[in-house]
Protein backbone atom coordinates (compact mmCIF):
# COMPACT_ATOMS: atom_id res chain seq x y z
CA MET A 1 -0.05 0.33 -0.01
CA SER A 2 1.42 2.95 -0.74
CA LEU A 3 2.76 6.10 1.38
CA PHE A 4 -0.60 8.04 0.34
CA GLN A 5 -2.86 5.80 0.35
CA ASN A 6 -2.00 4.87 4.00
CA LEU A 7 -2.30 9.10 5.00
CA LEU A 8 -5.61 8.89 3.31
CA ILE A 9 -6.57 6.14 5.98
CA ILE A 10 -4.98 7.99 8.65
CA ALA A 11 -7.24 10.93 7.95
CA SER A 12 -10.16 8.94 7.59
CA LEU A 13 -9.79 7.56 11.29
CA ILE A 14 -8.96 11.12 12.63
CA VAL A 15 -11.87 12.12 11.06
CA VAL A 16 -14.44 9.89 12.29
CA SER A 17 -12.40 9.99 16.12
CA ALA A 18 -13.48 13.55 15.69
CA PHE A 19 -16.84 13.07 15.09
CA PHE A 20 -17.34 10.38 18.40
CA SER A 21 -15.29 13.29 20.58
CA PHE A 22 -17.46 15.92 19.16
CA ALA A 23 -20.64 13.66 19.63
CA GLU A 24 -18.88 13.08 23.40
CA ILE A 25 -18.58 16.24 24.75
CA GLY A 26 -22.10 17.39 23.18
CA LEU A 27 -23.95 14.74 24.60
CA ALA A 28 -22.60 14.89 28.34
CA SER A 29 -22.63 18.69 28.44
CA ALA A 30 -26.21 19.48 26.64
CA ARG A 31 -28.32 21.10 29.67
CA ARG A 32 -31.28 19.48 30.57
CA ILE A 33 -33.04 22.90 30.69
CA ARG A 34 -32.13 24.01 27.49
CA LEU A 35 -33.09 20.16 25.86
CA LEU A 36 -36.75 20.51 27.51
CA GLN A 37 -37.53 24.20 25.96
CA MET A 38 -35.98 22.48 22.72
CA VAL A 39 -38.49 19.62 23.11
CA GLU A 40 -41.41 22.12 23.96
CA ALA A 41 -40.73 24.08 20.60
CA GLY A 42 -41.24 20.70 18.83
CA ASP A 43 -37.45 19.18 18.37
CA LEU A 44 -38.20 15.50 18.64
CA ARG A 45 -34.20 15.02 18.42
CA ALA A 46 -33.84 16.70 21.91
CA GLN A 47 -36.40 14.06 23.14
CA ARG A 48 -34.04 11.55 22.08
CA VAL A 49 -30.82 13.18 23.65
CA LEU A 50 -32.58 13.33 26.82
CA ALA A 51 -33.51 9.66 26.49
CA LEU A 52 -29.78 9.18 26.04
CA GLN A 53 -28.75 11.09 28.89
CA GLU A 54 -30.85 9.05 31.36
CA GLN A 55 -28.75 6.01 30.44
CA PRO A 56 -25.16 7.78 30.28
CA GLY A 57 -23.14 4.34 30.29
CA ILE A 58 -24.68 3.23 27.15
CA PHE A 59 -23.58 6.04 24.74
CA PHE A 60 -20.07 6.98 26.86
CA THR A 61 -19.53 3.18 26.13
CA VAL A 62 -20.34 3.37 22.43
CA VAL A 63 -17.68 6.25 22.05
CA GLN A 64 -15.10 4.75 23.97
CA VAL A 65 -15.22 1.34 21.90
CA ALA A 66 -15.14 3.41 18.70
CA LEU A 67 -11.97 6.19 19.67
CA ASN A 68 -10.22 3.59 21.72
CA ALA A 69 -10.48 1.16 18.00
CA ILE A 70 -9.84 3.60 15.77
CA ALA A 71 -6.64 4.93 17.96
CA ILE A 72 -5.00 1.65 18.06
CA MET A 73 -5.88 1.48 14.10
CA GLY A 74 -4.18 4.73 13.65
CA GLY A 75 -1.20 3.85 15.52
CA ILE A 76 -1.09 0.49 13.68
CA VAL A 77 -1.23 2.11 10.12
CA GLY A 78 0.81 5.44 11.14
CA GLU A 79 3.75 2.77 12.16
CA GLN A 80 3.65 0.75 9.29
CA ALA A 81 2.89 3.78 6.73
CA LEU A 82 5.30 6.60 8.13
CA SER A 83 8.32 4.51 9.95
CA PRO A 84 9.73 3.34 6.69
CA HIS A 85 9.34 6.34 5.08
CA LEU A 86 10.95 8.51 7.62
CA ALA A 87 13.75 5.31 8.24
CA GLY A 88 14.48 5.86 4.64
CA GLN A 89 14.63 9.83 4.89
CA LEU A 90 16.87 9.72 8.08
CA HIS A 91 19.68 6.98 6.15
CA ALA A 92 19.84 9.33 3.06
CA LEU A 93 20.89 12.29 5.47
CA PHE A 94 22.92 9.84 7.91
CA GLY A 95 23.65 6.69 6.55
CA PRO A 96 23.39 3.58 8.05
CA ALA A 97 23.00 3.95 11.85
CA GLY A 98 21.85 1.57 14.24
CA TRP A 99 19.46 4.11 16.06
CA ILE A 100 17.51 5.16 13.03
CA ASP A 101 14.96 2.71 12.88
CA GLN A 102 14.10 3.30 16.56
CA ALA A 103 14.22 7.15 15.74
CA SER A 104 11.90 6.78 13.27
CA PHE A 105 9.56 4.63 14.99
CA LEU A 106 9.86 7.68 17.71
CA LEU A 107 9.09 10.41 14.98
CA SER A 108 5.93 8.17 13.65
CA PHE A 109 4.47 7.86 17.00
CA LEU A 110 4.82 11.62 17.86
CA LEU A 111 3.50 12.79 14.45
CA VAL A 112 0.40 10.57 14.78
CA THR A 113 -0.06 10.98 18.31
CA SER A 114 0.03 14.75 17.41
CA LEU A 115 -2.62 14.61 14.67
CA PHE A 116 -5.16 12.96 17.02
CA ILE A 117 -4.48 15.03 19.70
CA VAL A 118 -5.12 18.17 17.75
CA PHE A 119 -7.55 17.29 15.07
CA ALA A 120 -9.42 14.56 16.56
CA ASP A 121 -9.75 15.28 20.06
CA LEU A 122 -8.83 19.39 21.53
CA MET A 123 -10.37 20.96 18.22
CA PRO A 124 -13.73 18.81 17.95
CA LYS A 125 -14.48 18.78 21.74
CA ARG A 126 -13.63 22.79 22.30
CA LEU A 127 -16.47 22.97 19.30
CA ALA A 128 -18.35 21.10 21.13
CA MET A 129 -18.38 22.61 24.42
CA THR A 130 -19.42 25.88 22.77
CA TRP A 131 -22.73 24.61 21.46
CA PRO A 132 -23.51 21.52 23.29
CA GLU A 133 -27.29 21.50 22.48
CA GLN A 134 -27.16 22.37 19.12
CA VAL A 135 -24.21 19.40 18.84
CA ALA A 136 -25.88 17.10 20.85
CA VAL A 137 -29.32 17.10 18.51
CA MET A 138 -27.05 17.00 15.57
CA VAL A 139 -25.19 14.13 16.16
CA VAL A 140 -27.74 11.81 18.54
CA LYS A 141 -29.00 9.89 15.28
CA PRO A 142 -25.76 8.61 14.09
CA ILE A 143 -24.81 7.81 17.46
CA GLY A 144 -27.97 6.30 18.02
CA LEU A 145 -27.22 3.71 14.83
CA SER A 146 -23.76 3.15 16.29
CA LEU A 147 -25.11 2.06 19.36
CA MET A 148 -27.19 -0.61 17.09
CA LEU A 149 -24.34 -1.96 15.19
CA LEU A 150 -22.26 -2.10 18.48
CA LYS A 151 -25.03 -3.13 20.84
CA PRO A 152 -23.43 -6.45 21.74
CA VAL A 153 -19.95 -4.86 22.29
CA VAL A 154 -21.79 -1.98 24.42
CA LEU A 155 -24.19 -4.15 26.35
CA MET A 156 -21.22 -6.43 27.51
CA TYR A 157 -18.72 -3.53 28.41
CA ASP A 158 -21.33 -1.63 30.07
CA GLY A 159 -22.39 -4.44 31.86
CA ILE A 160 -18.95 -5.15 33.05
CA ALA A 161 -18.38 -1.31 34.38
CA THR A 162 -21.60 -1.20 35.86
CA GLY A 163 -21.07 -4.29 37.72
CA LEU A 164 -18.14 -2.79 39.52
CA PHE A 165 -19.30 0.23 40.36
CA ARG A 166 -21.84 -1.63 42.42
CA LEU A 167 -18.77 -3.95 43.83
CA LEU A 168 -17.73 -0.66 44.82
CA GLY A 169 -20.84 1.14 46.01
CA ILE A 170 -20.41 4.15 43.66
CA GLN A 171 -23.62 5.73 42.60
CA ILE A 172 -23.64 6.10 38.97
CA THR A 173 -27.34 7.58 38.49
CA ARG A 174 -27.51 10.92 37.00
CA GLU A 175 -29.54 13.64 39.13
CA ASP A 176 -30.37 16.84 37.77
CA HIS A 177 -32.28 18.62 40.50
CA ILE A 178 -31.99 22.30 40.27
CA THR A 179 -31.25 24.25 43.39
CA PHE A 180 -31.52 27.54 44.46
CA ASP A 181 -27.79 27.60 44.44
CA ASP A 182 -27.73 26.60 40.79
CA VAL A 183 -29.98 29.13 39.83
CA SER A 184 -27.60 31.80 42.01
CA ALA A 185 -24.71 30.27 40.12
CA MET A 186 -26.02 30.94 36.91
CA VAL A 187 -27.12 34.08 37.63
CA ASP A 188 -23.86 35.39 39.13
CA ALA A 189 -22.29 34.20 35.75
CA GLY A 190 -24.64 35.98 33.69
CA THR A 191 -24.17 39.19 35.20
CA ALA A 192 -20.23 38.65 35.04
CA SER A 193 -20.67 38.18 31.31
CA GLY A 194 -22.80 41.30 30.96
CA ALA A 195 -25.77 39.12 29.73
CA LEU A 196 -27.88 40.24 32.64
CA HIS A 197 -27.61 44.05 34.12
CA LYS A 198 -26.80 44.26 38.03
CA GLN A 199 -30.38 45.39 38.86
CA GLU A 200 -31.67 42.73 37.39
CA GLN A 201 -29.57 40.13 39.41
CA HIS A 202 -30.91 42.05 42.67
CA LEU A 203 -34.12 41.11 41.22
CA ILE A 204 -33.92 37.74 40.38
CA GLU A 205 -32.13 36.97 44.18
CA ASN A 206 -35.14 39.26 45.32
CA VAL A 207 -37.86 36.91 43.66
CA PHE A 208 -36.09 33.66 45.78
CA GLU A 209 -35.71 35.28 49.17
CA LEU A 210 -39.52 35.96 49.06
CA ASP A 211 -39.79 32.69 50.55
CA THR A 212 -37.77 33.09 53.37
CA ARG A 213 -38.60 36.71 54.47
CA THR A 214 -41.59 37.10 56.48
CA VAL A 215 -43.82 40.05 56.28
CA THR A 216 -42.28 41.94 59.16
CA PHE A 217 -39.19 42.63 56.62
CA ALA A 218 -41.81 44.79 54.46
CA MET A 219 -44.16 45.86 56.82
CA THR A 220 -44.65 49.34 58.69
CA PRO A 221 -44.30 49.11 62.08
CA ARG A 222 -47.30 49.74 64.29
CA GLU A 223 -45.34 52.87 65.78
CA SER A 224 -45.35 54.16 62.13
CA VAL A 225 -48.73 53.35 61.09
CA VAL A 226 -51.41 56.06 61.11
CA PHE A 227 -54.42 55.00 62.51
CA LEU A 228 -58.10 56.63 62.63
CA ARG A 229 -60.22 56.20 65.64
CA LEU A 230 -63.62 55.69 65.69
CA GLN A 231 -64.27 58.37 68.06
CA ASP A 232 -62.22 60.84 66.33
CA ASP A 233 -64.51 64.19 65.09
CA GLU A 234 -64.43 65.14 61.54
CA SER A 235 -62.09 68.24 62.28
CA VAL A 236 -59.31 65.37 63.57
CA LEU A 237 -59.96 62.95 60.86
CA LYS A 238 -59.18 66.38 58.09
CA ALA A 239 -56.34 66.89 60.06
CA LYS A 240 -54.76 63.35 60.06
CA ILE A 241 -55.43 63.00 56.14
CA SER A 242 -53.86 66.43 55.72
CA ASP A 243 -50.73 65.72 57.47
CA HIS A 244 -50.55 61.78 56.11
CA PRO A 245 -51.38 61.73 52.67
CA HIS A 246 -52.09 57.95 52.24
CA SER A 247 -54.45 55.75 49.95
CA ARG A 248 -56.14 54.18 52.89
CA PHE A 249 -56.52 54.27 56.79
CA VAL A 250 -56.52 51.81 59.44
CA VAL A 251 -59.65 52.21 61.55
CA CYS A 252 -59.87 51.34 65.42
CA ASP A 253 -61.83 51.71 68.30
CA ASP A 254 -60.07 53.69 70.99
CA HIS A 255 -56.44 51.73 70.57
CA VAL A 256 -54.47 50.48 68.14
CA ASP A 257 -54.95 46.87 69.45
CA ALA A 258 -58.78 46.57 68.21
CA VAL A 259 -58.74 47.57 64.67
CA VAL A 260 -62.07 47.24 62.79
CA GLY A 261 -60.86 47.81 59.35
CA PHE A 262 -59.84 50.46 56.77
CA VAL A 263 -61.42 53.13 55.06
CA GLU A 264 -60.66 54.56 51.67
CA SER A 265 -59.22 58.15 51.59
CA LYS A 266 -61.13 58.79 48.45
CA ASP A 267 -64.53 58.13 50.38
CA ILE A 268 -63.32 61.01 52.60
CA LEU A 269 -62.56 63.25 49.71
CA LYS A 270 -65.80 62.76 48.06
CA ARG A 271 -67.83 63.57 51.13
CA THR A 272 -65.47 66.48 51.79
CA LEU A 273 -65.88 68.01 48.20
CA ASN A 274 -69.67 67.58 48.64
CA GLN A 275 -69.66 69.44 51.79
CA GLN A 276 -71.20 66.34 53.51
CA ALA A 277 -70.45 65.32 57.20
CA ILE A 278 -67.58 63.18 58.01
CA SER A 279 -67.93 60.42 60.90
CA LEU A 280 -66.33 56.27 61.01
CA ASN A 281 -69.30 55.81 63.10
CA ARG A 282 -71.92 56.82 60.98
CA GLU A 283 -71.61 57.97 57.34
CA LEU A 284 -68.18 56.44 56.52
CA VAL A 285 -68.17 52.53 55.11
CA VAL A 286 -65.29 50.80 57.36
CA LYS A 287 -63.85 47.90 55.42
CA ASN A 288 -63.16 44.44 56.38
CA ILE A 289 -59.18 44.14 56.67
CA LEU A 290 -57.07 40.95 55.80
CA ALA A 291 -55.43 39.81 59.43
CA ILE A 292 -52.25 37.88 58.75
CA PRO A 293 -49.82 36.62 61.21
CA ASP A 294 -46.49 37.56 61.62
CA SER A 295 -45.01 34.17 60.64
CA LEU A 296 -45.95 34.18 57.32
CA THR A 297 -43.49 34.53 54.07
CA LEU A 298 -43.68 37.39 51.60
CA SER A 299 -44.49 34.59 49.19
CA GLU A 300 -47.10 33.53 50.99
CA LEU A 301 -48.83 36.93 51.35
CA LEU A 302 -48.81 37.51 47.78
CA GLU A 303 -50.81 34.31 47.68
CA ARG A 304 -53.15 35.75 50.08
CA PHE A 305 -53.67 38.71 48.19
CA LYS A 306 -54.38 36.86 45.40
CA VAL A 307 -57.06 34.83 46.77
CA THR A 308 -59.05 37.61 48.70
CA ASN A 309 -58.39 40.33 46.05
CA GLN A 310 -56.86 42.87 48.58
CA ASP A 311 -54.08 44.85 48.94
CA LEU A 312 -53.57 45.59 52.59
CA ALA A 313 -53.27 43.46 55.67
CA LEU A 314 -53.34 43.91 59.29
CA ILE A 315 -50.11 42.07 60.86
CA LEU A 316 -50.74 40.39 64.27
CA ASN A 317 -48.26 38.80 66.24
CA GLU A 318 -48.83 35.01 68.58
CA TYR A 319 -50.98 37.45 71.31
CA ALA A 320 -53.06 38.94 68.84
CA LEU A 321 -51.28 42.51 69.27
CA VAL A 322 -50.91 44.36 65.97
CA VAL A 323 -47.49 44.36 64.71
CA GLY A 324 -47.81 46.33 61.71
CA ILE A 325 -49.49 46.54 58.24
CA VAL A 326 -48.52 45.69 54.65
CA THR A 327 -49.65 46.72 51.35
CA LEU A 328 -48.96 44.90 48.22
CA ASN A 329 -46.71 47.80 47.46
CA ASP A 330 -44.67 47.49 50.20
CA VAL A 331 -43.96 43.46 48.47
CA MET A 332 -43.18 45.21 45.33
CA LYS A 333 -40.58 47.40 46.82
CA THR A 334 -39.10 45.12 48.73
CA LEU A 335 -39.04 42.62 45.33
CA MET A 336 -37.93 45.90 43.15
CA GLY A 337 -35.43 47.27 45.34
CA ASP A 338 -33.58 50.18 43.77
CA LEU A 339 -35.67 50.19 40.88
CA VAL A 340 -38.44 51.49 42.50
CA SER A 341 -37.65 53.50 45.71
CA SER A 342 -34.32 55.33 47.03
CA PHE A 343 -35.60 54.75 50.33
CA ILE A 344 -32.79 52.28 51.17
CA GLU A 345 -30.04 54.66 50.07
CA GLU A 346 -31.39 57.52 52.85
CA LEU A 347 -31.64 54.33 55.52
CA ILE A 348 -27.89 53.90 55.22
CA VAL A 349 -25.01 56.64 54.76
CA LYS A 350 -21.25 56.36 54.73
CA ARG A 351 -19.90 59.34 56.76
CA ASP A 352 -16.43 58.59 56.42
CA ASP A 353 -14.36 55.12 55.77
CA ARG A 354 -14.96 54.01 59.31
CA SER A 355 -18.18 55.01 59.94
CA TRP A 356 -22.06 54.52 58.47
CA LEU A 357 -25.18 55.88 59.80
CA VAL A 358 -27.95 53.37 59.50
CA ASP A 359 -31.76 53.96 60.32
CA GLY A 360 -32.84 51.73 62.96
CA ALA A 361 -35.63 50.42 60.30
CA THR A 362 -33.49 49.42 58.14
CA PRO A 363 -33.92 45.64 56.95
CA VAL A 364 -31.01 43.75 57.65
CA GLU A 365 -30.63 42.18 54.10
CA ASP A 366 -29.99 45.82 53.03
CA VAL A 367 -27.74 46.66 55.64
CA LYS A 368 -25.35 43.15 54.52
CA ARG A 369 -25.75 44.02 51.15
CA ALA A 370 -24.45 47.38 51.39
CA LEU A 371 -21.35 46.44 53.98
CA ASP A 372 -20.79 43.46 52.10
CA ILE A 373 -21.64 41.46 55.07
CA GLU A 374 -22.13 37.61 54.51
CA GLU A 375 -23.97 36.79 57.71
CA LEU A 376 -24.65 37.95 61.09
CA PRO A 377 -24.96 36.51 64.54
CA HIS A 378 -28.46 34.78 65.12
CA GLU A 379 -30.10 36.72 62.07
CA ASP A 380 -32.97 34.41 62.37
CA ASN A 381 -34.39 36.29 65.37
CA TYR A 382 -34.86 39.52 64.12
CA GLN A 383 -35.44 41.69 60.64
CA THR A 384 -34.03 45.31 61.36
CA ILE A 385 -30.97 46.54 62.43
CA ALA A 386 -32.77 47.56 65.34
CA GLY A 387 -33.19 44.15 66.37
CA PHE A 388 -29.84 43.27 65.73
CA MET A 389 -29.01 46.23 68.03
């Protein structure tokens, strides 16, 4: 067989080996979430990739059988084709010498190995890592065909490997459970790459924190709530509404722990414009207010708002005492952060390099973020910096 024919065989082996390296990385690196999206979009090839990923030992065995067989064959052909040719060239340069046969073998080995490493391994694998899902759906059909052709060999080797893993007590089942840490890592990576803005990163993090933050994190504490009393006369009511222009006011009977409901400011405004009398005992309609425990999370609060079709809630502790109130807008401010309010900036002020001025009502999470603190001692026991102090 001529040198050209042998080189053609080596080139063909490199191409086939490159395909299996390409397929190996593509099928192994393809992300399950992205594949599921492709299945929903109607790509049936993605479904076949998912099926293969459920049995990774099968396609890895196909790939390894093919790669090892091709590598051995390439070494044999390369040694037979290149060694005599290189030996002849060396004899022409240096004349007869005992070391030429060994040198020609070593040179042919290095040359063939280098060709396989660069063109059959490194380049295809780096390409597959760049577009894993696209590569996976591209190669799944040829890999399936290879599996059918090599099925007896594949089952034998896969069975041996599986048996050895069981003897060693090693778990080999692939698990694709997505955790908060996984999502957080992806968000951090997206922010670092520029795909996400810093504000978007904070928004996503705040969404996950809705399940861990209680309603007291977003509430207006009782000492800051403006209450209207059933006993207040018209002048007192007008003064309170004028001094505190809120859209709704909580109504209590004599003291703040005897809440009876709330009134809409617009109802009071209507009667004022129509020059009608204002009294919480007679003319104004006091609406029922949603009461919730202070242990409720913000996520659960949103569900309560949805079910009851309300956006204002009264927060009570275990002794049925009023802790504060919370609105849908409060939750949105917690969720959106700096996108909707600069209030946090006013609560945390840096005075110099060694001093910060922090309002006691500032949520602990905002202080940790501003001061770059990972964790505060016993932070589950308080919600604000005043509670920490």
